[in-house]
Amino acid sequence: MTTRRTDLAAFLKTRRDRISPETVGLPPGFRRRTPGLRREEVAQLAGVGVTWYTWLEQGRPINVSAQVLDAIARTLCLDQAEKLHLYRLADVPSVPALSADDVAVPAPVQLILDGLAPLAACVNNSRYDLLAWNDPFECLFPNLVQAPVEERNALWQSFVCRPVNSPFVNRDAELPKMVATLRAGYGRHVGEPAWTDFIRRLSDRSSEFVRLWAAHDVADNEPRVKIFRHPRADGEIRLHATGMALSTPPDTRMVVYTPVDDESAVRLASLDKTPLF
């Protein structure tokens, strides 16, 4: 038995042991020699065979699908971190991904964002979904922040919407970089429905994205200067973008935009949240 399968067996048993029958609507019963649910009860509630589930919990090298793991995760009342751990231990590449509107950014993270003002700052995931932001960021990108949830994505705004929605001066340098970092993130999420659907929808709407995606370039999210020509600013806004990985939500980072010069700081401070069209 591999180490991963050994850990999977132990993880499933400990999660099963902590669930009381009453929690999942079963009678407490008698003669329970161990705490929690029995294997056959987990199998019944998840809609899988008892023998199959027993083999899974014994760490045997059997195939398992994302749909079956979802059912087991629901039965065992796993939270998002536990569900991700289950998928990785089972060596299933299609780790379930939450959509942007399902991700809750912790209140302390929002307090940090707000406390960074007058610096613009946001939290996004590796797919460039915007998850949280502060007021200066909304002033810089009002259309992004105020877009419908399914379009509240920096890449979508850059490739599909009007150029004013993502007013990069150095667009020819910035967009290939963003697609390359998207490709690097995609490598960690191959097969996930949320990622597959996003790539398909963006490809359907933008031939420019299709061309850049086809290059298969990959890159890290290293600090760099982004240059903006904002309709409400008299001159360029030059901002140094610095990303910092967050421990929660999973696969997210905070990006802080620091003015390169005093002129950029003044221009950023002059903006407001009114949509740009």
Protein backbone atom coordinates (compact mmCIF):
# COMPACT_ATOMS: atom_id res chain seq x y z
CA MET A 1 0.00 0.00 0.00
CA THR A 2 1.39 3.43 -0.96
CA THR A 3 1.80 6.21 1.58
CA ARG A 4 -0.96 8.20 -0.11
CA ARG A 5 -3.39 5.28 0.13
CA THR A 6 -2.39 4.63 3.74
CA ASP A 7 -3.15 8.26 4.57
CA LEU A 8 -6.44 8.04 2.66
CA ALA A 9 -7.50 5.00 4.69
CA ALA A 10 -6.67 6.71 7.98
CA PHE A 11 -8.34 9.96 6.95
CA LEU A 12 -11.60 8.28 5.95
CA LYS A 13 -11.73 6.28 9.18
CA THR A 14 -11.17 9.32 11.39
CA ARG A 15 -13.81 11.32 9.50
CA ARG A 16 -16.28 8.41 9.80
CA ASP A 17 -15.61 8.00 13.51
CA ARG A 18 -16.55 11.59 14.30
CA ILE A 19 -20.03 11.44 12.65
CA SER A 20 -22.78 10.23 14.95
CA PRO A 21 -25.71 8.30 13.43
CA GLU A 22 -28.09 10.99 14.64
CA THR A 23 -26.19 13.63 12.67
CA VAL A 24 -27.10 11.95 9.38
CA GLY A 25 -30.62 10.90 10.36
CA LEU A 26 -29.92 7.31 11.44
CA PRO A 27 -31.12 5.76 14.70
CA PRO A 28 -28.36 5.38 17.31
CA GLY A 29 -28.79 1.60 17.47
CA PHE A 30 -27.19 -0.81 19.91
CA ARG A 31 -23.99 -2.79 20.20
CA ARG A 32 -21.80 -0.18 18.49
CA ARG A 33 -18.26 -1.23 19.27
CA THR A 34 -16.73 1.89 17.72
CA PRO A 35 -17.76 5.55 17.64
CA GLY A 36 -19.33 7.13 14.60
CA LEU A 37 -20.75 5.50 11.50
CA ARG A 38 -20.17 1.98 10.29
CA ARG A 39 -18.63 1.43 6.87
CA GLU A 40 -21.87 0.00 5.52
CA GLU A 41 -23.74 3.09 6.70
CA VAL A 42 -21.34 5.42 4.89
CA ALA A 43 -21.68 3.30 1.76
CA GLN A 44 -25.48 3.34 1.97
CA LEU A 45 -25.71 7.07 2.52
CA ALA A 46 -23.21 7.81 -0.26
CA GLY A 47 -24.90 5.42 -2.68
CA VAL A 48 -21.88 3.16 -3.25
CA GLY A 49 -21.26 -0.52 -2.72
CA VAL A 50 -20.23 -1.69 0.73
CA THR A 51 -17.38 -3.80 -0.63
CA TRP A 52 -16.13 -0.94 -2.78
CA TYR A 53 -16.17 1.52 0.12
CA THR A 54 -14.45 -1.02 2.38
CA TRP A 55 -11.69 -1.43 -0.18
CA LEU A 56 -11.34 2.36 -0.44
CA GLU A 57 -11.02 2.71 3.32
CA GLN A 58 -8.53 -0.14 3.37
CA GLY A 59 -6.34 1.79 0.95
CA ARG A 60 -6.63 -0.66 -1.91
CA PRO A 61 -5.62 0.62 -5.39
CA ILE A 62 -9.13 1.00 -6.82
CA ASN A 63 -10.39 3.63 -9.24
CA VAL A 64 -12.56 6.40 -7.85
CA SER A 65 -14.45 9.20 -9.61
CA ALA A 66 -14.99 12.80 -8.59
CA GLN A 67 -18.75 12.20 -8.34
CA VAL A 68 -18.30 9.33 -5.87
CA LEU A 69 -15.85 11.35 -3.78
CA ASP A 70 -18.36 14.20 -3.69
CA ALA A 71 -21.00 11.82 -2.33
CA ILE A 72 -18.62 10.48 0.34
CA ALA A 73 -17.58 14.03 1.27
CA ARG A 74 -21.23 15.03 1.76
CA THR A 75 -21.92 11.94 3.85
CA LEU A 76 -18.91 12.60 6.08
CA CYS A 77 -19.76 16.33 6.34
CA LEU A 78 -16.35 17.40 5.08
CA ASP A 79 -15.56 21.09 4.84
CA GLN A 80 -13.80 22.54 1.80
CA ALA A 81 -10.27 21.97 3.13
CA GLU A 82 -11.09 18.36 4.03
CA LYS A 83 -12.69 17.78 0.63
CA LEU A 84 -9.59 19.05 -1.17
CA HIS A 85 -7.45 16.79 1.03
CA LEU A 86 -9.68 13.81 0.21
CA TYR A 87 -9.32 14.38 -3.53
CA ARG A 88 -5.57 14.69 -3.35
CA LEU A 89 -5.18 11.55 -1.24
CA ALA A 90 -7.39 9.66 -3.70
CA ASP A 91 -5.18 10.98 -6.52
CA VAL A 92 -8.16 12.36 -8.42
CA PRO A 93 -7.06 15.31 -10.60
CA SER A 94 -10.51 16.87 -10.80
CA VAL A 95 -10.43 18.62 -7.43
CA PRO A 96 -13.74 20.40 -6.85
CA ALA A 97 -13.42 24.14 -7.33
CA LEU A 98 -15.75 26.71 -5.86
CA SER A 99 -17.11 29.45 -8.09
CA ALA A 100 -16.22 33.02 -7.19
CA ASP A 101 -19.59 33.71 -5.58
CA ASP A 102 -19.21 30.67 -3.29
CA VAL A 103 -15.83 31.67 -1.87
CA ALA A 104 -15.95 33.45 1.47
CA VAL A 105 -12.96 35.69 2.14
CA PRO A 106 -12.37 35.81 5.92
CA ALA A 107 -13.32 39.05 7.66
CA PRO A 108 -9.73 39.71 8.86
CA VAL A 109 -8.53 39.60 5.24
CA GLN A 110 -11.12 42.22 4.28
CA LEU A 111 -9.97 44.35 7.23
CA ILE A 112 -6.41 44.14 5.94
CA LEU A 113 -7.56 45.20 2.47
CA ASP A 114 -9.45 48.17 3.88
CA GLY A 115 -6.51 49.12 6.09
CA LEU A 116 -4.18 49.29 3.09
CA ALA A 117 -5.97 52.34 1.67
CA PRO A 118 -4.97 54.59 -0.05
CA LEU A 119 -3.16 51.69 -1.73
CA ALA A 120 -5.38 49.70 -4.08
CA ALA A 121 -5.55 46.01 -3.14
CA CYS A 122 -7.59 42.94 -3.97
CA VAL A 123 -7.81 39.18 -3.50
CA ASN A 124 -8.17 36.89 -6.49
CA ASN A 125 -7.61 33.24 -7.31
CA SER A 126 -5.29 31.75 -9.90
CA ARG A 127 -8.10 31.98 -12.47
CA TYR A 128 -8.18 35.78 -11.90
CA ASP A 129 -11.65 35.72 -10.34
CA LEU A 130 -11.98 38.81 -8.16
CA LEU A 131 -12.97 37.72 -4.63
CA ALA A 132 -12.45 40.82 -2.47
CA TRP A 133 -11.19 44.40 -2.81
CA ASN A 134 -10.90 47.77 -1.12
CA ASP A 135 -12.25 51.18 -2.15
CA PRO A 136 -9.11 52.40 -4.02
CA PHE A 137 -9.15 49.20 -6.10
CA GLU A 138 -12.81 49.78 -6.98
CA CYS A 139 -11.96 53.32 -8.04
CA LEU A 140 -9.25 51.95 -10.33
CA PHE A 141 -11.42 49.14 -11.74
CA PRO A 142 -15.08 50.13 -11.16
CA ASN A 143 -16.42 48.07 -14.06
CA LEU A 144 -14.60 44.95 -12.89
CA VAL A 145 -15.88 45.26 -9.32
CA GLN A 146 -19.44 46.09 -10.39
CA ALA A 147 -19.67 43.40 -13.08
CA PRO A 148 -21.96 40.36 -12.62
CA VAL A 149 -20.25 37.62 -10.63
CA GLU A 150 -19.70 35.43 -13.68
CA GLU A 151 -17.84 38.32 -15.37
CA ARG A 152 -15.98 39.59 -12.28
CA ASN A 153 -12.72 38.28 -13.66
CA ALA A 154 -9.71 40.35 -14.75
CA LEU A 155 -9.05 38.23 -17.83
CA TRP A 156 -12.67 38.32 -18.94
CA GLN A 157 -12.75 42.09 -18.58
CA SER A 158 -9.45 42.42 -20.46
CA PHE A 159 -10.26 40.19 -23.43
CA VAL A 160 -14.04 40.38 -23.80
CA CYS A 161 -15.18 43.77 -22.52
CA ARG A 162 -14.37 47.29 -23.63
CA PRO A 163 -10.70 48.31 -23.36
CA VAL A 164 -11.70 50.95 -20.79
CA ASN A 165 -12.65 48.12 -18.41
CA SER A 166 -8.99 47.14 -18.12
CA PRO A 167 -7.07 50.21 -19.29
CA PHE A 168 -3.51 48.86 -19.58
CA VAL A 169 -1.08 51.08 -21.43
CA ASN A 170 1.33 48.15 -21.69
CA ARG A 171 -1.40 45.75 -22.85
CA ASP A 172 0.88 43.88 -25.28
CA ALA A 173 3.22 43.02 -22.42
CA GLU A 174 0.65 42.56 -19.63
CA LEU A 175 -1.94 40.28 -21.24
CA PRO A 176 0.55 37.59 -22.39
CA LYS A 177 1.94 37.60 -18.86
CA MET A 178 -1.52 37.13 -17.36
CA VAL A 179 -2.32 34.28 -19.72
CA ALA A 180 1.01 32.63 -18.91
CA THR A 181 0.24 32.75 -15.17
CA LEU A 182 -3.25 31.42 -15.92
CA ARG A 183 -1.65 28.51 -17.80
CA ALA A 184 0.59 27.79 -14.79
CA GLY A 185 -2.45 27.76 -12.51
CA TYR A 186 -4.36 25.56 -14.94
CA GLY A 187 -1.65 22.92 -14.59
CA ARG A 188 -2.76 22.48 -10.96
CA HIS A 189 -6.43 22.21 -11.90
CA VAL A 190 -6.52 20.15 -15.11
CA GLY A 191 -9.94 18.60 -15.61
CA GLU A 192 -11.81 20.77 -13.12
CA PRO A 193 -15.20 21.80 -14.52
CA ALA A 194 -14.90 25.42 -13.37
CA TRP A 195 -11.56 25.82 -15.14
CA THR A 196 -12.60 23.94 -18.27
CA ASP A 197 -15.76 26.00 -18.59
CA PHE A 198 -13.91 29.28 -18.07
CA ILE A 199 -11.27 28.49 -20.72
CA ARG A 200 -13.99 27.42 -23.15
CA ARG A 201 -16.12 30.53 -22.62
CA LEU A 202 -13.15 32.87 -22.92
CA SER A 203 -11.94 31.10 -26.06
CA ASP A 204 -15.39 31.41 -27.61
CA ARG A 205 -15.34 35.19 -27.09
CA SER A 206 -11.73 36.18 -27.79
CA SER A 207 -9.47 35.12 -30.66
CA GLU A 208 -6.67 37.07 -28.98
CA PHE A 209 -6.96 34.85 -25.92
CA VAL A 210 -7.02 31.74 -28.11
CA ARG A 211 -3.75 32.80 -29.73
CA LEU A 212 -2.01 33.48 -26.41
CA TRP A 213 -3.40 30.33 -24.78
CA ALA A 214 -2.15 28.21 -27.68
CA ALA A 215 1.43 29.38 -27.03
CA HIS A 216 1.50 27.28 -23.80
CA ASP A 217 3.71 29.86 -22.10
CA VAL A 218 3.85 29.62 -18.29
CA ALA A 219 5.02 32.18 -15.74
CA ASP A 220 4.96 32.98 -12.03
CA ASN A 221 3.08 35.94 -10.58
CA GLU A 222 6.22 37.95 -9.93
CA PRO A 223 6.05 41.63 -8.88
CA ARG A 224 5.91 43.99 -11.85
CA VAL A 225 4.91 47.51 -12.88
CA LYS A 226 1.50 47.94 -14.48
CA ILE A 227 0.75 51.12 -16.38
CA PHE A 228 -2.82 52.41 -16.71
CA ARG A 229 -4.42 55.18 -18.75
CA HIS A 230 -7.58 55.86 -16.78
CA PRO A 231 -10.29 58.05 -18.38
CA ARG A 232 -10.63 60.10 -15.19
CA ALA A 233 -6.91 60.63 -14.60
CA ASP A 234 -4.78 63.32 -16.20
CA GLY A 235 -1.86 61.15 -17.24
CA GLU A 236 -0.60 57.64 -16.67
CA ILE A 237 -0.97 55.77 -13.39
CA ARG A 238 2.08 53.60 -12.81
CA LEU A 239 1.62 50.99 -10.10
CA HIS A 240 3.92 48.29 -8.77
CA ALA A 241 1.82 45.11 -8.34
CA THR A 242 2.95 42.77 -5.57
CA GLY A 243 1.17 39.46 -4.96
CA MET A 244 1.20 37.50 -1.69
CA ALA A 245 -0.23 33.99 -1.32
CA LEU A 246 -2.99 33.52 1.26
CA SER A 247 -3.54 30.37 3.28
CA THR A 248 -7.31 30.74 3.00
CA PRO A 249 -9.34 30.60 0.85
CA PRO A 250 -7.29 27.96 -1.01
CA ASP A 251 -5.42 29.01 -4.15
CA THR A 252 -5.79 32.75 -3.54
CA ARG A 253 -3.46 35.69 -3.27
CA MET A 254 -3.61 39.31 -2.24
CA VAL A 255 -2.33 41.84 -4.77
CA VAL A 256 -1.29 45.29 -3.57
CA TYR A 257 -0.76 48.18 -6.02
CA THR A 258 1.87 50.65 -4.87
CA PRO A 259 2.32 53.91 -6.83
CA VAL A 260 5.70 54.13 -8.55
CA ASP A 261 5.81 57.92 -8.24
CA ASP A 262 4.00 60.81 -6.53
CA GLU A 263 2.10 61.70 -9.70
CA SER A 264 0.62 58.21 -9.86
CA ALA A 265 -0.41 58.39 -6.20
CA VAL A 266 -2.21 61.70 -6.77
CA ARG A 267 -3.96 60.39 -9.89
CA LEU A 268 -5.08 57.21 -8.12
CA ALA A 269 -6.48 59.26 -5.22
CA SER A 270 -8.48 61.42 -7.65
CA LEU A 271 -10.56 58.51 -8.96
CA ASP A 272 -14.07 57.52 -7.89
CA LYS A 273 -16.26 54.41 -8.13
CA THR A 274 -18.53 55.59 -10.93
CA PRO A 275 -18.67 53.05 -13.78
CA LEU A 276 -16.69 54.03 -16.85
CA PHE A 277 -19.66 53.82 -19.24
